[in-house]
Amino acid sequence: MTHSIPDIFSNNRAWAAQMERQRPGFFTELTRQQKPKYMWIGCSDSRVPANEIMGLDPGEVFVHRNVANVVVHSDLNALSTVQFAVDVIKVEHITVVGHYGCSGVAAALAGQRVGLADNWLRHIQDVRDRHWHLIDAIPEGHRHDALVELNAIEQVVNVCQSTVMVDAWARGQKVSVHGWVYGIHDGLLQNLHITVSGVEALEAAYKAAIEGVSRAARN
């Protein structure tokens, strides 16, 4: 369905009025300082609305999104958002969430040229190349899903290895990093079984998660 700009403003006013009818004081509550427990690092894909997927209200999820949910140590935008979430908001859980059907992952898997974004997708190609022995053993029709999962796992590692997380854990802050995948085809979140609450737990969690992808692909 195509909406014009005036339609969007009209829809917004209708939504705001409905929310106030259903939950009087909802917007007044939102004006108070946000204190979400959760941070969502996900893809910019328009089909993946973070707080709705989690069944949470606006104000309950701090969100960072980019093409294919990539977190790299040279991306000051992503790292600054993580730092603000951890140091200022004091989130308790950071979720790195890939999604099946991700066009960025599909382009990286196929080596498809899309333009300037090729330089960004190179990070996912690095994940592809690192795990090619695993991907190559998977039937072609399932390779995309496997790379979506592997990419989310690798981005969890990148978050955990950032100075933000290393410093937070060193001072005893209780914050965990999780790897998930969202299914656009069924609306369900899948747990990749990588949850890290300290630097010392990262290696074992990573190995177990990679083995989980491999085991699922074989089955």
N, C-alpha and C. Protein backbone atom coordinates (compact mmCIF):
# COMPACT_ATOMS: atom_id res chain seq x y z
N MET A 1 0.85 -1.19 0.00
CA MET A 1 0.00 0.00 0.00
C MET A 1 0.88 1.24 0.00
N THR A 2 0.56 2.19 -0.87
CA THR A 2 1.34 3.42 -0.98
C THR A 2 0.66 4.53 -0.19
N HIS A 3 1.44 5.24 0.62
CA HIS A 3 0.92 6.35 1.41
C HIS A 3 1.64 7.63 1.00
N SER A 4 0.89 8.72 0.92
CA SER A 4 1.48 10.02 0.63
C SER A 4 1.97 10.63 1.94
N ILE A 5 2.75 11.70 1.84
CA ILE A 5 3.22 12.40 3.04
C ILE A 5 2.05 12.91 3.88
N PRO A 6 1.04 13.54 3.29
CA PRO A 6 -0.12 13.95 4.11
C PRO A 6 -0.79 12.76 4.80
N ASP A 7 -0.84 11.61 4.13
CA ASP A 7 -1.42 10.42 4.76
C ASP A 7 -0.65 10.05 6.03
N ILE A 8 0.68 10.16 5.96
CA ILE A 8 1.51 9.80 7.11
C ILE A 8 1.21 10.70 8.30
N PHE A 9 1.06 12.02 8.06
CA PHE A 9 0.73 12.92 9.16
C PHE A 9 -0.67 12.63 9.71
N SER A 10 -1.60 12.31 8.82
CA SER A 10 -2.94 11.96 9.26
C SER A 10 -2.94 10.69 10.09
N ASN A 11 -2.18 9.69 9.62
CA ASN A 11 -2.07 8.44 10.37
C ASN A 11 -1.45 8.67 11.74
N ASN A 12 -0.45 9.56 11.78
CA ASN A 12 0.22 9.86 13.05
C ASN A 12 -0.76 10.46 14.05
N ARG A 13 -1.56 11.38 13.62
CA ARG A 13 -2.52 12.02 14.52
C ARG A 13 -3.56 11.02 15.00
N ALA A 14 -3.99 10.14 14.11
CA ALA A 14 -4.96 9.11 14.49
C ALA A 14 -4.35 8.15 15.50
N TRP A 15 -3.09 7.78 15.27
CA TRP A 15 -2.40 6.87 16.20
C TRP A 15 -2.23 7.51 17.57
N ALA A 16 -1.79 8.78 17.59
CA ALA A 16 -1.58 9.47 18.86
C ALA A 16 -2.88 9.58 19.64
N ALA A 17 -3.98 9.89 18.94
CA ALA A 17 -5.28 10.02 19.60
C ALA A 17 -5.73 8.66 20.15
N GLN A 18 -5.52 7.62 19.38
CA GLN A 18 -5.91 6.28 19.82
C GLN A 18 -5.12 5.85 21.05
N MET A 19 -3.80 6.11 21.05
CA MET A 19 -2.97 5.75 22.18
C MET A 19 -3.42 6.49 23.44
N GLU A 20 -3.76 7.75 23.30
CA GLU A 20 -4.17 8.53 24.47
C GLU A 20 -5.53 8.05 24.99
N ARG A 21 -6.39 7.61 24.08
CA ARG A 21 -7.68 7.06 24.52
C ARG A 21 -7.49 5.74 25.27
N GLN A 22 -6.62 4.90 24.70
CA GLN A 22 -6.42 3.57 25.28
C GLN A 22 -5.60 3.62 26.56
N ARG A 23 -4.63 4.52 26.59
CA ARG A 23 -3.72 4.59 27.74
C ARG A 23 -3.50 6.05 28.13
N PRO A 24 -4.46 6.64 28.81
CA PRO A 24 -4.34 8.05 29.18
C PRO A 24 -3.02 8.32 29.91
N GLY A 25 -2.34 9.38 29.51
CA GLY A 25 -1.07 9.74 30.11
C GLY A 25 0.13 9.06 29.50
N PHE A 26 -0.09 8.29 28.41
CA PHE A 26 1.01 7.53 27.78
C PHE A 26 2.14 8.46 27.35
N PHE A 27 1.82 9.55 26.69
CA PHE A 27 2.86 10.43 26.16
C PHE A 27 3.50 11.26 27.27
N THR A 28 2.73 11.58 28.29
CA THR A 28 3.32 12.28 29.44
C THR A 28 4.38 11.40 30.09
N GLU A 29 4.08 10.10 30.18
CA GLU A 29 5.04 9.17 30.76
C GLU A 29 6.31 9.10 29.91
N LEU A 30 6.15 9.15 28.58
CA LEU A 30 7.30 9.07 27.69
C LEU A 30 8.24 10.26 27.81
N THR A 31 7.72 11.40 28.25
CA THR A 31 8.57 12.59 28.35
C THR A 31 9.56 12.49 29.49
N ARG A 32 9.32 11.57 30.41
CA ARG A 32 10.28 11.37 31.50
C ARG A 32 11.54 10.70 30.97
N GLN A 33 12.62 10.76 31.73
CA GLN A 33 13.90 10.21 31.30
C GLN A 33 13.76 8.74 30.93
N GLN A 34 14.25 8.38 29.74
CA GLN A 34 14.18 6.98 29.32
C GLN A 34 15.14 6.13 30.14
N LYS A 35 14.65 4.96 30.56
CA LYS A 35 15.48 4.02 31.30
C LYS A 35 15.22 2.60 30.81
N PRO A 36 15.43 2.36 29.51
CA PRO A 36 15.18 1.01 29.00
C PRO A 36 16.21 0.02 29.51
N LYS A 37 15.78 -1.23 29.68
CA LYS A 37 16.70 -2.29 30.06
C LYS A 37 17.39 -2.90 28.85
N TYR A 38 16.81 -2.67 27.67
CA TYR A 38 17.25 -3.38 26.48
C TYR A 38 17.80 -2.43 25.42
N MET A 39 18.87 -2.89 24.77
CA MET A 39 19.35 -2.25 23.55
C MET A 39 19.22 -3.26 22.43
N TRP A 40 18.76 -2.80 21.28
CA TRP A 40 18.59 -3.62 20.08
C TRP A 40 19.55 -3.11 19.02
N ILE A 41 20.44 -3.97 18.55
CA ILE A 41 21.28 -3.64 17.41
C ILE A 41 20.79 -4.51 16.26
N GLY A 42 20.16 -3.90 15.28
CA GLY A 42 19.53 -4.67 14.22
C GLY A 42 19.74 -4.07 12.85
N CYS A 43 19.09 -4.68 11.89
CA CYS A 43 19.18 -4.24 10.50
C CYS A 43 18.23 -3.08 10.25
N SER A 44 18.57 -2.26 9.27
CA SER A 44 17.73 -1.12 8.90
C SER A 44 16.48 -1.54 8.13
N ASP A 45 16.37 -2.80 7.80
CA ASP A 45 15.23 -3.31 7.04
C ASP A 45 13.91 -2.82 7.64
N SER A 46 13.04 -2.27 6.79
CA SER A 46 11.80 -1.66 7.27
C SER A 46 10.81 -2.68 7.82
N ARG A 47 11.06 -3.95 7.58
CA ARG A 47 10.15 -5.01 8.05
C ARG A 47 10.49 -5.49 9.46
N VAL A 48 11.47 -4.86 10.11
CA VAL A 48 11.95 -5.35 11.40
C VAL A 48 11.83 -4.25 12.47
N PRO A 49 10.61 -4.01 12.98
CA PRO A 49 10.41 -2.98 14.02
C PRO A 49 10.74 -3.52 15.41
N ALA A 50 11.80 -3.02 16.00
CA ALA A 50 12.38 -3.63 17.19
C ALA A 50 11.40 -3.78 18.35
N ASN A 51 10.82 -2.68 18.84
CA ASN A 51 10.02 -2.79 20.05
C ASN A 51 8.74 -3.60 19.82
N GLU A 52 8.17 -3.55 18.61
CA GLU A 52 6.97 -4.34 18.34
C GLU A 52 7.28 -5.82 18.35
N ILE A 53 8.41 -6.21 17.76
CA ILE A 53 8.80 -7.62 17.74
C ILE A 53 8.96 -8.15 19.16
N MET A 54 9.51 -7.31 20.04
CA MET A 54 9.75 -7.72 21.42
C MET A 54 8.53 -7.57 22.31
N GLY A 55 7.45 -7.01 21.76
CA GLY A 55 6.25 -6.80 22.55
C GLY A 55 6.42 -5.73 23.60
N LEU A 56 7.29 -4.74 23.33
CA LEU A 56 7.57 -3.68 24.28
C LEU A 56 7.12 -2.33 23.74
N ASP A 57 6.89 -1.40 24.64
CA ASP A 57 6.42 -0.07 24.26
C ASP A 57 7.58 0.82 23.82
N PRO A 58 7.25 1.92 23.11
CA PRO A 58 8.26 2.95 22.89
C PRO A 58 8.83 3.39 24.24
N GLY A 59 10.14 3.58 24.29
CA GLY A 59 10.79 3.94 25.54
C GLY A 59 11.38 2.77 26.29
N GLU A 60 11.07 1.54 25.83
CA GLU A 60 11.58 0.36 26.53
C GLU A 60 12.75 -0.30 25.80
N VAL A 61 13.07 0.18 24.59
CA VAL A 61 14.18 -0.39 23.82
C VAL A 61 15.00 0.75 23.22
N PHE A 62 16.29 0.73 23.46
CA PHE A 62 17.22 1.68 22.85
C PHE A 62 17.75 1.02 21.59
N VAL A 63 17.66 1.70 20.44
CA VAL A 63 17.84 1.03 19.15
C VAL A 63 18.98 1.64 18.33
N HIS A 64 19.79 0.76 17.77
CA HIS A 64 20.74 1.14 16.72
C HIS A 64 20.54 0.21 15.54
N ARG A 65 20.43 0.79 14.33
CA ARG A 65 20.20 -0.03 13.15
C ARG A 65 21.12 0.41 12.02
N ASN A 66 21.57 -0.55 11.25
CA ASN A 66 22.30 -0.27 10.02
C ASN A 66 22.12 -1.45 9.07
N VAL A 67 22.67 -1.36 7.88
CA VAL A 67 22.52 -2.44 6.92
C VAL A 67 23.18 -3.70 7.46
N ALA A 68 22.36 -4.73 7.66
CA ALA A 68 22.82 -6.07 8.06
C ALA A 68 23.40 -6.15 9.46
N ASN A 69 22.95 -5.24 10.35
CA ASN A 69 23.31 -5.29 11.78
C ASN A 69 24.79 -5.59 12.03
N VAL A 70 25.63 -4.73 11.45
CA VAL A 70 27.08 -4.89 11.58
C VAL A 70 27.61 -3.96 12.67
N VAL A 71 28.52 -4.47 13.49
CA VAL A 71 29.22 -3.65 14.48
C VAL A 71 30.71 -3.88 14.29
N VAL A 72 31.42 -2.84 13.86
CA VAL A 72 32.87 -2.98 13.66
C VAL A 72 33.58 -1.90 14.47
N HIS A 73 34.82 -2.17 14.79
CA HIS A 73 35.55 -1.33 15.73
C HIS A 73 35.90 0.05 15.17
N SER A 74 35.73 0.25 13.86
CA SER A 74 35.99 1.56 13.27
C SER A 74 34.72 2.39 13.12
N ASP A 75 33.57 1.84 13.47
CA ASP A 75 32.30 2.54 13.31
C ASP A 75 31.97 3.30 14.60
N LEU A 76 32.33 4.56 14.63
CA LEU A 76 32.12 5.35 15.84
C LEU A 76 30.65 5.62 16.09
N ASN A 77 29.83 5.58 15.06
CA ASN A 77 28.39 5.75 15.24
C ASN A 77 27.84 4.60 16.10
N ALA A 78 28.12 3.37 15.68
CA ALA A 78 27.63 2.21 16.43
C ALA A 78 28.23 2.17 17.84
N LEU A 79 29.53 2.37 17.93
CA LEU A 79 30.18 2.27 19.24
C LEU A 79 29.74 3.38 20.19
N SER A 80 29.49 4.57 19.65
CA SER A 80 29.01 5.66 20.49
C SER A 80 27.61 5.36 21.02
N THR A 81 26.80 4.71 20.19
CA THR A 81 25.45 4.33 20.63
C THR A 81 25.52 3.28 21.72
N VAL A 82 26.41 2.30 21.54
CA VAL A 82 26.60 1.27 22.57
C VAL A 82 27.11 1.92 23.86
N GLN A 83 28.08 2.83 23.73
CA GLN A 83 28.63 3.49 24.91
C GLN A 83 27.57 4.28 25.66
N PHE A 84 26.72 4.99 24.93
CA PHE A 84 25.66 5.76 25.57
C PHE A 84 24.68 4.83 26.29
N ALA A 85 24.35 3.72 25.62
CA ALA A 85 23.42 2.75 26.21
C ALA A 85 23.98 2.16 27.50
N VAL A 86 25.27 1.81 27.48
CA VAL A 86 25.88 1.13 28.62
C VAL A 86 26.24 2.11 29.73
N ASP A 87 26.89 3.20 29.39
CA ASP A 87 27.43 4.11 30.40
C ASP A 87 26.42 5.11 30.94
N VAL A 88 25.49 5.53 30.09
CA VAL A 88 24.56 6.58 30.48
C VAL A 88 23.19 6.00 30.85
N ILE A 89 22.62 5.21 29.95
CA ILE A 89 21.29 4.65 30.19
C ILE A 89 21.35 3.46 31.14
N LYS A 90 22.47 2.76 31.15
CA LYS A 90 22.67 1.57 32.00
C LYS A 90 21.75 0.42 31.59
N VAL A 91 21.71 0.14 30.29
CA VAL A 91 20.94 -1.02 29.84
C VAL A 91 21.52 -2.28 30.47
N GLU A 92 20.69 -3.30 30.59
CA GLU A 92 21.12 -4.56 31.17
C GLU A 92 21.34 -5.65 30.13
N HIS A 93 20.75 -5.44 28.94
CA HIS A 93 20.84 -6.45 27.88
C HIS A 93 21.03 -5.75 26.54
N ILE A 94 22.04 -6.19 25.80
CA ILE A 94 22.26 -5.74 24.42
C ILE A 94 21.97 -6.93 23.52
N THR A 95 21.03 -6.76 22.60
CA THR A 95 20.68 -7.83 21.68
C THR A 95 21.17 -7.47 20.28
N VAL A 96 21.95 -8.36 19.69
CA VAL A 96 22.36 -8.20 18.29
C VAL A 96 21.46 -9.12 17.48
N VAL A 97 20.65 -8.54 16.60
CA VAL A 97 19.57 -9.30 15.97
C VAL A 97 19.67 -9.24 14.45
N GLY A 98 20.02 -10.38 13.86
CA GLY A 98 19.94 -10.50 12.40
C GLY A 98 18.54 -10.89 12.00
N HIS A 99 18.30 -10.99 10.70
CA HIS A 99 16.98 -11.46 10.27
C HIS A 99 17.11 -12.27 8.98
N TYR A 100 16.36 -13.35 8.93
CA TYR A 100 16.31 -14.16 7.72
C TYR A 100 15.73 -13.32 6.58
N GLY A 101 16.25 -13.54 5.39
CA GLY A 101 15.82 -12.75 4.24
C GLY A 101 16.53 -11.42 4.11
N CYS A 102 17.66 -11.26 4.82
CA CYS A 102 18.41 -10.00 4.79
C CYS A 102 19.08 -9.82 3.43
N SER A 103 18.75 -8.74 2.74
CA SER A 103 19.30 -8.52 1.40
C SER A 103 20.79 -8.18 1.45
N GLY A 104 21.23 -7.54 2.54
CA GLY A 104 22.65 -7.25 2.68
C GLY A 104 23.46 -8.52 2.81
N VAL A 105 22.98 -9.46 3.59
CA VAL A 105 23.67 -10.75 3.73
C VAL A 105 23.63 -11.51 2.42
N ALA A 106 22.51 -11.45 1.72
CA ALA A 106 22.39 -12.14 0.42
C ALA A 106 23.41 -11.60 -0.57
N ALA A 107 23.58 -10.27 -0.60
CA ALA A 107 24.55 -9.66 -1.52
C ALA A 107 25.97 -10.08 -1.15
N ALA A 108 26.26 -10.12 0.15
CA ALA A 108 27.59 -10.52 0.59
C ALA A 108 27.87 -11.99 0.26
N LEU A 109 26.88 -12.83 0.44
CA LEU A 109 27.05 -14.26 0.16
C LEU A 109 27.35 -14.50 -1.31
N ALA A 110 26.64 -13.77 -2.17
CA ALA A 110 26.79 -13.97 -3.62
C ALA A 110 27.92 -13.15 -4.22
N GLY A 111 28.50 -12.22 -3.43
CA GLY A 111 29.51 -11.33 -3.98
C GLY A 111 28.92 -10.33 -4.96
N GLN A 112 27.66 -9.99 -4.76
CA GLN A 112 26.94 -9.08 -5.65
C GLN A 112 27.38 -7.64 -5.41
N ARG A 113 27.63 -6.91 -6.48
CA ARG A 113 27.99 -5.50 -6.37
C ARG A 113 26.73 -4.65 -6.29
N VAL A 114 26.66 -3.80 -5.27
CA VAL A 114 25.49 -2.93 -5.12
C VAL A 114 25.86 -1.45 -5.11
N GLY A 115 27.16 -1.13 -5.06
CA GLY A 115 27.58 0.27 -5.06
C GLY A 115 28.46 0.57 -3.86
N LEU A 116 28.31 1.77 -3.32
CA LEU A 116 29.13 2.20 -2.19
C LEU A 116 29.00 1.23 -1.01
N ALA A 117 27.81 0.66 -0.84
CA ALA A 117 27.57 -0.25 0.28
C ALA A 117 28.43 -1.51 0.20
N ASP A 118 29.05 -1.78 -0.96
CA ASP A 118 29.95 -2.94 -1.06
C ASP A 118 31.04 -2.88 0.00
N ASN A 119 31.49 -1.68 0.31
CA ASN A 119 32.56 -1.52 1.30
C ASN A 119 32.08 -1.90 2.70
N TRP A 120 30.82 -1.63 2.98
CA TRP A 120 30.21 -2.01 4.25
C TRP A 120 29.97 -3.51 4.29
N LEU A 121 29.45 -4.05 3.18
CA LEU A 121 29.13 -5.48 3.13
C LEU A 121 30.39 -6.35 3.12
N ARG A 122 31.54 -5.74 2.87
CA ARG A 122 32.79 -6.48 2.94
C ARG A 122 32.97 -7.11 4.32
N HIS A 123 32.44 -6.46 5.36
CA HIS A 123 32.54 -7.03 6.71
C HIS A 123 31.81 -8.37 6.78
N ILE A 124 30.68 -8.48 6.10
CA ILE A 124 29.93 -9.74 6.10
C ILE A 124 30.62 -10.76 5.20
N GLN A 125 31.23 -10.29 4.14
CA GLN A 125 32.02 -11.22 3.31
C GLN A 125 33.19 -11.79 4.10
N ASP A 126 33.73 -10.99 5.00
CA ASP A 126 34.79 -11.51 5.88
C ASP A 126 34.26 -12.64 6.75
N VAL A 127 33.02 -12.48 7.25
CA VAL A 127 32.38 -13.55 8.03
C VAL A 127 32.17 -14.77 7.14
N ARG A 128 31.70 -14.54 5.93
CA ARG A 128 31.50 -15.64 4.97
C ARG A 128 32.80 -16.39 4.73
N ASP A 129 33.87 -15.66 4.49
CA ASP A 129 35.16 -16.31 4.20
C ASP A 129 35.71 -17.04 5.43
N ARG A 130 35.50 -16.48 6.60
CA ARG A 130 36.00 -17.10 7.83
C ARG A 130 35.33 -18.45 8.07
N HIS A 131 34.08 -18.56 7.67
CA HIS A 131 33.32 -19.78 7.94
C HIS A 131 32.95 -20.52 6.66
N TRP A 132 33.75 -20.33 5.61
CA TRP A 132 33.37 -20.92 4.33
C TRP A 132 33.31 -22.45 4.38
N HIS A 133 34.18 -23.07 5.17
CA HIS A 133 34.14 -24.52 5.27
C HIS A 133 32.79 -25.01 5.79
N LEU A 134 32.20 -24.25 6.71
CA LEU A 134 30.89 -24.59 7.25
C LEU A 134 29.80 -24.32 6.22
N ILE A 135 29.85 -23.13 5.61
CA ILE A 135 28.82 -22.74 4.64
C ILE A 135 28.84 -23.65 3.42
N ASP A 136 30.02 -24.00 2.96
CA ASP A 136 30.16 -24.81 1.75
C ASP A 136 29.57 -26.21 1.95
N ALA A 137 29.50 -26.67 3.18
CA ALA A 137 28.97 -28.01 3.47
C ALA A 137 27.44 -28.00 3.59
N ILE A 138 26.84 -26.83 3.53
CA ILE A 138 25.39 -26.69 3.69
C ILE A 138 24.72 -26.68 2.32
N PRO A 139 23.57 -27.31 2.15
CA PRO A 139 22.84 -27.21 0.88
C PRO A 139 22.62 -25.75 0.49
N GLU A 140 22.75 -25.47 -0.78
CA GLU A 140 22.77 -24.08 -1.25
C GLU A 140 21.56 -23.28 -0.76
N GLY A 141 20.41 -23.90 -0.70
CA GLY A 141 19.20 -23.19 -0.31
C GLY A 141 19.18 -22.73 1.14
N HIS A 142 20.09 -23.26 1.96
CA HIS A 142 20.12 -22.91 3.37
C HIS A 142 21.34 -22.06 3.74
N ARG A 143 22.16 -21.76 2.77
CA ARG A 143 23.40 -21.02 3.08
C ARG A 143 23.12 -19.59 3.53
N HIS A 144 22.12 -18.98 2.95
CA HIS A 144 21.81 -17.60 3.33
C HIS A 144 21.41 -17.53 4.81
N ASP A 145 20.53 -18.43 5.24
CA ASP A 145 20.12 -18.43 6.64
C ASP A 145 21.31 -18.66 7.57
N ALA A 146 22.21 -19.56 7.16
CA ALA A 146 23.38 -19.84 7.99
C ALA A 146 24.27 -18.61 8.11
N LEU A 147 24.46 -17.88 7.02
CA LEU A 147 25.30 -16.69 7.08
C LEU A 147 24.64 -15.59 7.90
N VAL A 148 23.33 -15.47 7.85
CA VAL A 148 22.61 -14.54 8.72
C VAL A 148 22.93 -14.84 10.18
N GLU A 149 22.89 -16.12 10.55
CA GLU A 149 23.17 -16.52 11.92
C GLU A 149 24.63 -16.29 12.29
N LEU A 150 25.52 -16.68 11.40
CA LEU A 150 26.95 -16.49 11.67
C LEU A 150 27.31 -15.02 11.79
N ASN A 151 26.70 -14.19 10.97
CA ASN A 151 26.97 -12.75 11.04
C ASN A 151 26.52 -12.18 12.38
N ALA A 152 25.34 -12.57 12.84
CA ALA A 152 24.87 -12.08 14.14
C ALA A 152 25.81 -12.52 15.26
N ILE A 153 26.27 -13.75 15.19
CA ILE A 153 27.20 -14.26 16.21
C ILE A 153 28.51 -13.46 16.20
N GLU A 154 29.04 -13.21 15.01
CA GLU A 154 30.30 -12.46 14.91
C GLU A 154 30.14 -11.03 15.40
N GLN A 155 28.98 -10.44 15.19
CA GLN A 155 28.77 -9.07 15.66
C GLN A 155 28.63 -9.03 17.18
N VAL A 156 28.10 -10.10 17.77
CA VAL A 156 28.11 -10.20 19.23
C VAL A 156 29.55 -10.17 19.74
N VAL A 157 30.42 -10.90 19.08
CA VAL A 157 31.83 -10.90 19.46
C VAL A 157 32.41 -9.50 19.37
N ASN A 158 32.10 -8.79 18.29
CA ASN A 158 32.62 -7.44 18.12
C ASN A 158 32.15 -6.51 19.22
N VAL A 159 30.88 -6.63 19.60
CA VAL A 159 30.37 -5.81 20.69
C VAL A 159 31.12 -6.15 21.98
N CYS A 160 31.27 -7.43 22.25
CA CYS A 160 31.92 -7.86 23.49
C CYS A 160 33.38 -7.44 23.57
N GLN A 161 34.04 -7.35 22.45
CA GLN A 161 35.45 -6.99 22.42
C GLN A 161 35.69 -5.48 22.36
N SER A 162 34.62 -4.72 22.28
CA SER A 162 34.76 -3.26 22.24
C SER A 162 35.26 -2.75 23.59
N THR A 163 35.92 -1.62 23.58
CA THR A 163 36.41 -1.03 24.83
C THR A 163 35.25 -0.70 25.76
N VAL A 164 34.10 -0.40 25.19
CA VAL A 164 32.93 -0.07 26.02
C VAL A 164 32.58 -1.24 26.92
N MET A 165 32.47 -2.44 26.33
CA MET A 165 32.07 -3.60 27.11
C MET A 165 33.19 -4.09 28.02
N VAL A 166 34.42 -4.07 27.51
CA VAL A 166 35.56 -4.49 28.33
C VAL A 166 35.63 -3.64 29.59
N ASP A 167 35.47 -2.33 29.43
CA ASP A 167 35.54 -1.42 30.59
C ASP A 167 34.35 -1.62 31.53
N ALA A 168 33.16 -1.81 30.95
CA ALA A 168 31.97 -1.98 31.78
C ALA A 168 32.08 -3.23 32.64
N TRP A 169 32.51 -4.32 32.02
CA TRP A 169 32.65 -5.56 32.78
C TRP A 169 33.78 -5.46 33.81
N ALA A 170 34.84 -4.73 33.46
CA ALA A 170 35.96 -4.58 34.40
C ALA A 170 35.54 -3.86 35.67
N ARG A 171 34.58 -2.96 35.55
CA ARG A 171 34.11 -2.26 36.76
C ARG A 171 32.92 -2.95 37.41
N GLY A 172 32.59 -4.16 36.93
CA GLY A 172 31.56 -4.97 37.56
C GLY A 172 30.14 -4.67 37.13
N GLN A 173 29.97 -3.92 36.05
CA GLN A 173 28.61 -3.61 35.59
C GLN A 173 27.92 -4.85 35.06
N LYS A 174 26.66 -5.04 35.44
CA LYS A 174 25.90 -6.21 35.01
C LYS A 174 25.18 -5.89 33.70
N VAL A 175 25.77 -6.32 32.61
CA VAL A 175 25.18 -6.13 31.29
C VAL A 175 25.58 -7.33 30.43
N SER A 176 24.61 -7.89 29.73
CA SER A 176 24.84 -9.08 28.91
C SER A 176 24.58 -8.78 27.45
N VAL A 177 25.29 -9.50 26.59
CA VAL A 177 25.14 -9.35 25.14
C VAL A 177 24.59 -10.67 24.59
N HIS A 178 23.56 -10.57 23.76
CA HIS A 178 22.87 -11.75 23.24
C HIS A 178 22.85 -11.73 21.71
N GLY A 179 22.85 -12.89 21.09
CA GLY A 179 22.71 -13.02 19.64
C GLY A 179 21.39 -13.70 19.29
N TRP A 180 20.58 -13.01 18.49
CA TRP A 180 19.27 -13.53 18.08
C TRP A 180 19.11 -13.38 16.57
N VAL A 181 18.10 -14.06 16.04
CA VAL A 181 17.70 -13.89 14.64
C VAL A 181 16.18 -13.79 14.59
N TYR A 182 15.69 -12.90 13.73
CA TYR A 182 14.25 -12.70 13.56
C TYR A 182 13.79 -13.28 12.23
N GLY A 183 12.67 -13.97 12.26
CA GLY A 183 12.12 -14.54 11.03
C GLY A 183 11.01 -13.68 10.46
N ILE A 184 11.27 -13.00 9.36
CA ILE A 184 10.24 -12.19 8.72
C ILE A 184 9.08 -13.07 8.26
N HIS A 185 9.39 -14.33 7.93
CA HIS A 185 8.36 -15.23 7.40
C HIS A 185 7.38 -15.71 8.45
N ASP A 186 7.76 -15.65 9.74
CA ASP A 186 6.84 -16.12 10.78
C ASP A 186 6.74 -15.18 11.98
N GLY A 187 7.55 -14.10 11.99
CA GLY A 187 7.46 -13.13 13.08
C GLY A 187 8.12 -13.55 14.38
N LEU A 188 8.88 -14.65 14.35
CA LEU A 188 9.44 -15.20 15.59
C LEU A 188 10.93 -14.90 15.75
N LEU A 189 11.32 -14.65 16.98
CA LEU A 189 12.73 -14.51 17.33
C LEU A 189 13.32 -15.89 17.63
N GLN A 190 14.55 -16.11 17.15
CA GLN A 190 15.26 -17.34 17.43
C GLN A 190 16.52 -17.02 18.23
N ASN A 191 16.74 -17.76 19.28
CA ASN A 191 17.90 -17.58 20.14
C ASN A 191 19.08 -18.35 19.55
N LEU A 192 20.19 -17.65 19.29
CA LEU A 192 21.39 -18.30 18.75
C LEU A 192 22.26 -18.88 19.86
N HIS A 193 21.78 -18.79 21.07
CA HIS A 193 22.45 -19.40 22.24
C HIS A 193 23.88 -18.89 22.41
N ILE A 194 24.02 -17.58 22.20
CA ILE A 194 25.26 -16.93 22.60
C ILE A 194 24.87 -15.75 23.48
N THR A 195 25.11 -15.91 24.76
CA THR A 195 24.87 -14.86 25.74
C THR A 195 26.16 -14.68 26.54
N VAL A 196 26.66 -13.46 26.56
CA VAL A 196 27.96 -13.19 27.18
C VAL A 196 27.79 -12.11 28.24
N SER A 197 28.24 -12.41 29.45
CA SER A 197 28.13 -11.46 30.55
C SER A 197 29.49 -11.05 31.10
N GLY A 198 30.56 -11.41 30.40
CA GLY A 198 31.91 -11.04 30.81
C GLY A 198 32.91 -11.53 29.79
N VAL A 199 34.05 -10.89 29.73
CA VAL A 199 35.06 -11.22 28.73
C VAL A 199 35.48 -12.68 28.81
N GLU A 200 35.58 -13.18 30.02
CA GLU A 200 36.07 -14.55 30.21
C GLU A 200 35.11 -15.60 29.66
N ALA A 201 33.84 -15.23 29.45
CA ALA A 201 32.84 -16.19 28.96
C ALA A 201 32.72 -16.18 27.44
N LEU A 202 33.40 -15.26 26.77
CA LEU A 202 33.18 -15.06 25.35
C LEU A 202 33.61 -16.24 24.49
N GLU A 203 34.80 -16.74 24.69
CA GLU A 203 35.34 -17.77 23.81
C GLU A 203 34.47 -19.03 23.81
N ALA A 204 34.10 -19.50 24.98
CA ALA A 204 33.30 -20.72 25.06
C ALA A 204 31.92 -20.51 24.45
N ALA A 205 31.31 -19.35 24.70
CA ALA A 205 29.99 -19.06 24.15
C ALA A 205 30.04 -18.98 22.63
N TYR A 206 31.11 -18.38 22.12
CA TYR A 206 31.28 -18.26 20.67
C TYR A 206 31.41 -19.62 20.01
N LYS A 207 32.27 -20.46 20.56
CA LYS A 207 32.47 -21.79 19.98
C LYS A 207 31.18 -22.60 19.99
N ALA A 208 30.43 -22.51 21.08
CA ALA A 208 29.18 -23.26 21.19
C ALA A 208 28.15 -22.76 20.18
N ALA A 209 28.10 -21.45 19.98
CA ALA A 209 27.13 -20.88 19.03
C ALA A 209 27.45 -21.29 17.60
N ILE A 210 28.73 -21.25 17.23
CA ILE A 210 29.13 -21.66 15.88
C ILE A 210 28.82 -23.14 15.67
N GLU A 211 29.09 -23.94 16.67
CA GLU A 211 28.77 -25.36 16.57
C GLU A 211 27.26 -25.57 16.45
N GLY A 212 26.49 -24.71 17.11
CA GLY A 212 25.04 -24.80 17.00
C GLY A 212 24.55 -24.53 15.60
N VAL A 213 25.14 -23.55 14.92
CA VAL A 213 24.78 -23.28 13.52
C VAL A 213 25.13 -24.47 12.65
N SER A 214 26.33 -25.01 12.85
CA SER A 214 26.79 -26.16 12.08
C SER A 214 25.89 -27.36 12.29
N ARG A 215 25.53 -27.62 13.53
CA ARG A 215 24.70 -28.79 13.86
C ARG A 215 23.31 -28.64 13.24
N ALA A 216 22.72 -27.43 13.35
CA ALA A 216 21.40 -27.19 12.79
C ALA A 216 21.42 -27.35 11.27
N ALA A 217 22.49 -26.88 10.65
CA ALA A 217 22.60 -26.98 9.18
C ALA A 217 22.71 -28.44 8.73
N ARG A 218 23.40 -29.25 9.52
CA ARG A 218 23.53 -30.67 9.17
C ARG A 218 22.22 -31.42 9.30
N ASN A 219 21.37 -30.91 10.18
CA ASN A 219 20.08 -31.57 10.41
C ASN A 219 19.01 -31.04 9.46
